[in-house]
Structure formats: structure tokens, C-alpha cells
C-alpha atoms as a PDB file:
ATOM      1  CA  MET A   1     -30.027  45.042 -18.787  1.00  0.00           C
ATOM      2  CA  GLU A   2     -27.749  47.090 -20.954  1.00  0.00           C
ATOM      3  CA  ASN A   3     -28.165  50.873 -21.123  1.00  0.00           C
ATOM      4  CA  GLY A   4     -31.652  50.564 -19.678  1.00  0.00           C
ATOM      5  CA  VAL A   5     -32.841  48.331 -22.545  1.00  0.00           C
ATOM      6  CA  ASN A   6     -33.791  44.722 -22.074  1.00  0.00           C
ATOM      7  CA  SER A   7     -31.486  42.828 -24.462  1.00  0.00           C
ATOM      8  CA  ASP A   8     -33.566  39.645 -24.131  1.00  0.00           C
ATOM      9  CA  ARG A   9     -36.604  41.325 -25.666  1.00  0.00           C
ATOM     10  CA  LYS A  10     -37.243  40.041 -29.176  1.00  0.00           C
ATOM     11  CA  GLU A  11     -38.041  42.442 -31.962  1.00  0.00           C
ATOM     12  CA  LYS A  12     -41.653  42.097 -33.051  1.00  0.00           C
ATOM     13  CA  ILE A  13     -42.428  41.871 -36.733  1.00  0.00           C
ATOM     14  CA  ASN A  14     -44.670  44.671 -37.889  1.00  0.00           C
ATOM     15  CA  PRO A  15     -47.990  43.217 -39.165  1.00  0.00           C
ATOM     16  CA  LEU A  16     -47.969  45.780 -41.976  1.00  0.00           C
ATOM     17  CA  VAL A  17     -44.719  44.289 -43.272  1.00  0.00           C
ATOM     18  CA  ILE A  18     -46.388  40.874 -43.297  1.00  0.00           C
ATOM     19  CA  ILE A  19     -49.365  42.296 -45.239  1.00  0.00           C
ATOM     20  CA  LEU A  20     -47.006  43.961 -47.733  1.00  0.00           C
ATOM     21  CA  PHE A  21     -45.000  40.749 -48.173  1.00  0.00           C
ATOM     22  CA  ALA A  22     -48.209  38.702 -48.590  1.00  0.00           C
ATOM     23  CA  GLY A  23     -49.406  41.118 -51.283  1.00  0.00           C
ATOM     24  CA  ILE A  24     -46.162  40.723 -53.201  1.00  0.00           C
ATOM     25  CA  VAL A  25     -46.248  36.922 -52.908  1.00  0.00           C
ATOM     26  CA  ILE A  26     -49.893  36.777 -54.044  1.00  0.00           C
ATOM     27  CA  GLY A  27     -49.032  38.993 -57.027  1.00  0.00           C
ATOM     28  CA  PHE A  28     -46.162  36.766 -58.115  1.00  0.00           C
ATOM     29  CA  PHE A  29     -48.350  33.678 -57.620  1.00  0.00           C
ATOM     30  CA  GLY A  30     -50.975  35.229 -59.944  1.00  0.00           C
ATOM     31  CA  ILE A  31     -48.329  36.027 -62.554  1.00  0.00           C
ATOM     32  CA  TYR A  32     -47.063  32.431 -62.383  1.00  0.00           C
ATOM     33  CA  LYS A  33     -50.599  31.042 -62.786  1.00  0.00           C
ATOM     34  CA  ILE A  34     -51.309  33.235 -65.823  1.00  0.00           C
ATOM     35  CA  TYR A  35     -47.950  32.319 -67.369  1.00  0.00           C
ATOM     36  CA  LYS A  36     -48.691  28.604 -66.927  1.00  0.00           C
ATOM     37  CA  GLY A  37     -52.222  29.137 -68.295  1.00  0.00           C
ATOM     38  CA  TYR A  38     -50.892  30.739 -71.478  1.00  0.00           C
ATOM     39  CA  GLU A  39     -48.140  28.142 -71.765  1.00  0.00           C
ATOM     40  CA  SER A  40     -50.653  25.277 -71.469  1.00  0.00           C
ATOM     41  CA  GLN A  41     -52.540  26.557 -74.537  1.00  0.00           C
ATOM     42  CA  ASN A  42     -49.660  25.313 -76.712  1.00  0.00           C
ATOM     43  CA  TRP A  43     -49.232  21.921 -75.070  1.00  0.00           C
ATOM     44  CA  PRO A  44     -49.936  18.694 -76.993  1.00  0.00           C
ATOM     45  CA  THR A  45     -53.097  16.793 -76.163  1.00  0.00           C
ATOM     46  CA  THR A  46     -54.038  13.221 -75.441  1.00  0.00           C
ATOM     47  CA  GLN A  47     -57.210  11.408 -74.431  1.00  0.00           C
ATOM     48  CA  GLY A  48     -57.921  11.002 -70.756  1.00  0.00           C
ATOM     49  CA  LYS A  49     -60.635   9.622 -68.523  1.00  0.00           C
ATOM     50  CA  ILE A  50     -62.201  11.109 -65.383  1.00  0.00           C
ATOM     51  CA  ILE A  51     -61.636   8.596 -62.580  1.00  0.00           C
ATOM     52  CA  LYS A  52     -62.972  10.655 -59.653  1.00  0.00           C
ATOM     53  CA  SER A  53     -65.452  13.516 -59.573  1.00  0.00           C
ATOM     54  CA  ARG A  54     -66.742  14.742 -56.224  1.00  0.00           C
ATOM     55  CA  ILE A  55     -67.174  17.681 -53.849  1.00  0.00           C
ATOM     56  CA  ALA A  56     -64.316  18.177 -51.401  1.00  0.00           C
ATOM     57  CA  GLY A  57     -63.631  20.569 -48.573  1.00  0.00           C
ATOM     58  CA  ALA A  58     -65.587  21.831 -45.594  1.00  0.00           C
ATOM     59  CA  LYS A  59     -68.934  20.411 -44.528  1.00  0.00           C
ATOM     60  CA  ARG A  60     -70.578  23.805 -45.039  1.00  0.00           C
ATOM     61  CA  ILE A  61     -71.438  25.158 -48.482  1.00  0.00           C
ATOM     62  CA  ILE A  62     -68.744  27.842 -48.246  1.00  0.00           C
ATOM     63  CA  GLY A  63     -65.334  26.279 -48.780  1.00  0.00           C
ATOM     64  CA  ARG A  64     -66.548  23.342 -50.805  1.00  0.00           C
ATOM     65  CA  ARG A  65     -64.842  22.757 -54.121  1.00  0.00           C
ATOM     66  CA  ALA A  66     -64.842  20.368 -57.036  1.00  0.00           C
ATOM     67  CA  PHE A  67     -62.258  17.604 -56.927  1.00  0.00           C
ATOM     68  CA  ILE A  68     -61.615  16.056 -60.329  1.00  0.00           C
ATOM     69  CA  LYS A  69     -59.046  13.310 -60.831  1.00  0.00           C
ATOM     70  CA  TYR A  70     -58.207  12.006 -64.265  1.00  0.00           C
ATOM     71  CA  GLU A  71     -55.826   9.603 -65.925  1.00  0.00           C
ATOM     72  CA  TYR A  72     -54.094   9.978 -69.253  1.00  0.00           C
ATOM     73  CA  PHE A  73     -51.446   8.108 -71.210  1.00  0.00           C
ATOM     74  CA  VAL A  74     -48.386   9.555 -72.922  1.00  0.00           C
ATOM     75  CA  GLU A  75     -45.816   7.351 -74.654  1.00  0.00           C
ATOM     76  CA  GLY A  76     -47.453   4.273 -73.111  1.00  0.00           C
ATOM     77  CA  ASN A  77     -47.102   5.562 -69.531  1.00  0.00           C
ATOM     78  CA  ARG A  78     -50.071   6.263 -67.271  1.00  0.00           C
ATOM     79  CA  TYR A  79     -50.282   9.602 -65.482  1.00  0.00           C
ATOM     80  CA  ILE A  80     -52.833  10.933 -62.997  1.00  0.00           C
ATOM     81  CA  SER A  81     -53.642  14.585 -62.326  1.00  0.00           C
ATOM     82  CA  SER A  82     -56.251  16.650 -60.538  1.00  0.00           C
ATOM     83  CA  GLN A  83     -55.314  20.025 -62.051  1.00  0.00           C
ATOM     84  CA  ILE A  84     -58.351  21.400 -63.890  1.00  0.00           C
ATOM     85  CA  SER A  85     -56.790  24.686 -64.988  1.00  0.00           C
ATOM     86  CA  TYR A  86     -54.094  27.105 -63.901  1.00  0.00           C
ATOM     87  CA  THR A  87     -56.366  30.133 -63.830  1.00  0.00           C
ATOM     88  CA  LEU A  88     -59.809  28.749 -62.974  1.00  0.00           C
ATOM     89  CA  ILE A  89     -60.860  29.880 -59.508  1.00  0.00           C
ATOM     90  CA  ILE A  90     -64.100  28.356 -58.252  1.00  0.00           C
ATOM     91  CA  GLY A  91     -65.185  30.224 -55.180  1.00  0.00           C
ATOM     92  CA  ASP A  92     -68.660  28.907 -54.578  1.00  0.00           C
ATOM     93  CA  TYR A  93     -70.665  25.736 -54.273  1.00  0.00           C
ATOM     94  CA  SER A  94     -72.661  26.277 -57.469  1.00  0.00           C
ATOM     95  CA  GLY A  95     -69.420  26.723 -59.444  1.00  0.00           C
ATOM     96  CA  ALA A  96     -68.141  23.447 -58.011  1.00  0.00           C
ATOM     97  CA  ILE A  97     -71.372  21.669 -59.002  1.00  0.00           C
ATOM     98  CA  GLU A  98     -71.040  23.079 -62.522  1.00  0.00           C
ATOM     99  CA  ILE A  99     -67.534  21.596 -62.820  1.00  0.00           C
ATOM    100  CA  LEU A 100     -68.781  18.222 -61.546  1.00  0.00           C
ATOM    101  CA  ARG A 101     -71.489  18.206 -64.223  1.00  0.00           C
ATOM    102  CA  GLU A 102     -68.906  19.037 -66.872  1.00  0.00           C
ATOM    103  CA  TYR A 103     -66.545  16.267 -65.709  1.00  0.00           C
ATOM    104  CA  PRO A 104     -68.522  13.245 -64.443  1.00  0.00           C
ATOM    105  CA  GLU A 105     -66.723  10.018 -63.602  1.00  0.00           C
ATOM    106  CA  GLY A 106     -66.024   7.890 -66.671  1.00  0.00           C
ATOM    107  CA  LYS A 107     -66.119  10.788 -69.142  1.00  0.00           C
ATOM    108  CA  ILE A 108     -63.468  10.757 -71.873  1.00  0.00           C
ATOM    109  CA  VAL A 109     -61.727  14.155 -71.966  1.00  0.00           C
ATOM    110  CA  THR A 110     -58.987  15.992 -73.808  1.00  0.00           C
ATOM    111  CA  VAL A 111     -55.924  16.445 -71.608  1.00  0.00           C
ATOM    112  CA  TYR A 112     -53.289  19.097 -72.298  1.00  0.00           C
ATOM    113  CA  TYR A 113     -49.920  17.920 -71.004  1.00  0.00           C
ATOM    114  CA  ASN A 114     -46.578  19.634 -70.609  1.00  0.00           C
ATOM    115  CA  PRO A 115     -44.082  17.997 -73.010  1.00  0.00           C
ATOM    116  CA  ASP A 116     -41.226  18.973 -70.656  1.00  0.00           C
ATOM    117  CA  ASN A 117     -42.914  17.451 -67.594  1.00  0.00           C
ATOM    118  CA  LEU A 118     -45.439  14.766 -68.530  1.00  0.00           C
ATOM    119  CA  MET A 119     -46.935  14.802 -65.023  1.00  0.00           C
ATOM    120  CA  ASP A 120     -48.026  18.431 -65.521  1.00  0.00           C
ATOM    121  CA  ALA A 121     -51.459  18.487 -67.195  1.00  0.00           C
ATOM    122  CA  VAL A 122     -54.733  20.403 -67.304  1.00  0.00           C
ATOM    123  CA  LEU A 123     -58.231  19.970 -68.692  1.00  0.00           C
ATOM    124  CA  LYS A 124     -58.889  23.648 -69.451  1.00  0.00           C
ATOM    125  CA  THR A 125     -56.433  26.084 -71.006  1.00  0.00           C
ATOM    126  CA  GLU A 126     -58.468  29.265 -71.280  1.00  0.00           C
ATOM    127  CA  ILE A 127     -57.516  32.158 -69.038  1.00  0.00           C
ATOM    128  CA  SER A 128     -60.291  32.725 -66.509  1.00  0.00           C
ATOM    129  CA  GLY A 129     -61.201  36.281 -65.631  1.00  0.00           C
ATOM    130  CA  ARG A 130     -61.539  35.183 -62.010  1.00  0.00           C
ATOM    131  CA  ILE A 131     -57.743  35.113 -61.730  1.00  0.00           C
ATOM    132  CA  SER A 132     -57.956  38.909 -61.578  1.00  0.00           C
ATOM    133  CA  TRP A 133     -59.094  38.547 -57.953  1.00  0.00           C
ATOM    134  CA  LEU A 134     -55.553  37.502 -57.061  1.00  0.00           C
ATOM    135  CA  PHE A 135     -54.238  40.761 -58.486  1.00  0.00           C
ATOM    136  CA  ILE A 136     -56.909  42.847 -56.795  1.00  0.00           C
ATOM    137  CA  LEU A 137     -56.098  41.192 -53.466  1.00  0.00           C
ATOM    138  CA  SER A 138     -52.388  41.647 -54.125  1.00  0.00           C
ATOM    139  CA  VAL A 139     -52.696  45.347 -54.949  1.00  0.00           C
ATOM    140  CA  LEU A 140     -54.925  46.002 -51.930  1.00  0.00           C
ATOM    141  CA  ALA A 141     -52.472  44.256 -49.595  1.00  0.00           C
ATOM    142  CA  ILE A 142     -49.512  46.153 -51.058  1.00  0.00           C
ATOM    143  CA  ILE A 143     -51.322  49.505 -50.784  1.00  0.00           C
ATOM    144  CA  LEU A 144     -52.439  48.739 -47.222  1.00  0.00           C
ATOM    145  CA  GLY A 145     -48.930  47.679 -46.231  1.00  0.00           C
ATOM    146  CA  LEU A 146     -47.204  50.681 -47.806  1.00  0.00           C
ATOM    147  CA  ARG A 147     -49.758  53.227 -46.559  1.00  0.00           C
ATOM    148  CA  GLY A 148     -49.707  51.765 -43.085  1.00  0.00           C
ATOM    149  CA  LEU A 149     -45.925  51.813 -42.909  1.00  0.00           C
ATOM    150  CA  ARG A 150     -45.880  55.403 -44.151  1.00  0.00           C
ATOM    151  CA  TRP A 151     -48.459  56.462 -41.535  1.00  0.00           C
ATOM    152  CA  GLN A 152     -46.448  54.772 -38.779  1.00  0.00           C
ATOM    153  CA  ARG A 153     -43.432  56.959 -39.556  1.00  0.00           C
ATOM    154  CA  PHE A 154     -45.365  60.116 -38.610  1.00  0.00           C
END
């Protein structure tokens, strides 16, 4: 013990700092997704084929999501992707079923691929309004973190 303080005691990380950091990370993730969504609207297209279309995730209805896998060819090379969109967020079972109906196995689809990275592709390029939930969550976490840290000072 030095000066009455236990020097072996580790400093604990304030949970409010973690919430603040998470809010910032979520915000940047949302910005990245929107940027990629807008960028994908100008990508060239090719024909693709859905090779897998199923529900994935938890056994319960909540947490289940659509899993779509498709193949496409660019410059004679075969590529496989499961990225539907950069901004589409499907948060419920009925939304997942809707996607499965839109992309059944064997369906021929238009694939938008990144000319700078041919393995980067999507089926949908529109910007979904559901991406705004990332920003709402981000702002709430940042406000909670900042307010909490401010209150702790007093």
C-alpha cells in the first residue's frame, strides 16, 4: 500500500464512457452504410442467380432473418455474395418472409457489383428509411453518455 491507496486496484471503466463510445461507433457505422448504399447505385450490373433462400437465426420468431445467397459472373469469374443491401434493416419475421418471397431459390436477379472489388455486391441499391434507426440509437447513446458523465461530475 502506498499513501493509503491500494496500488494493485485496477481502474474501472465507467459504463457511461462505454455507452458514449458505442453511440459514436454506431453513428459512424450508419454513415458508412449510407455511403456504401449511395455508392452502389452507380455500380455496373450483371445477371445473377439465387442459390440459397432461407430463414436463419434464432429458433424464436424474434431474431430470425432472411438469408439470401446468390452467384454472379463478372469477366468470366464466379462470385458469391449474401449482401442484400447496405441500408436494408429487416427487424422482424414478416419482413424476412417478404424478402424470401422476393428472392426464391433459382430466381434470376440483377446484381450490382463494385468495379473496384468484384466480390462486393448487392441486390438492392435504394436507401432504406430503416437505416435511420442506427442514427436514433447513436444519438440516444451519445446523449445518455454525455448527460450521465456531466451528472457524475456534480
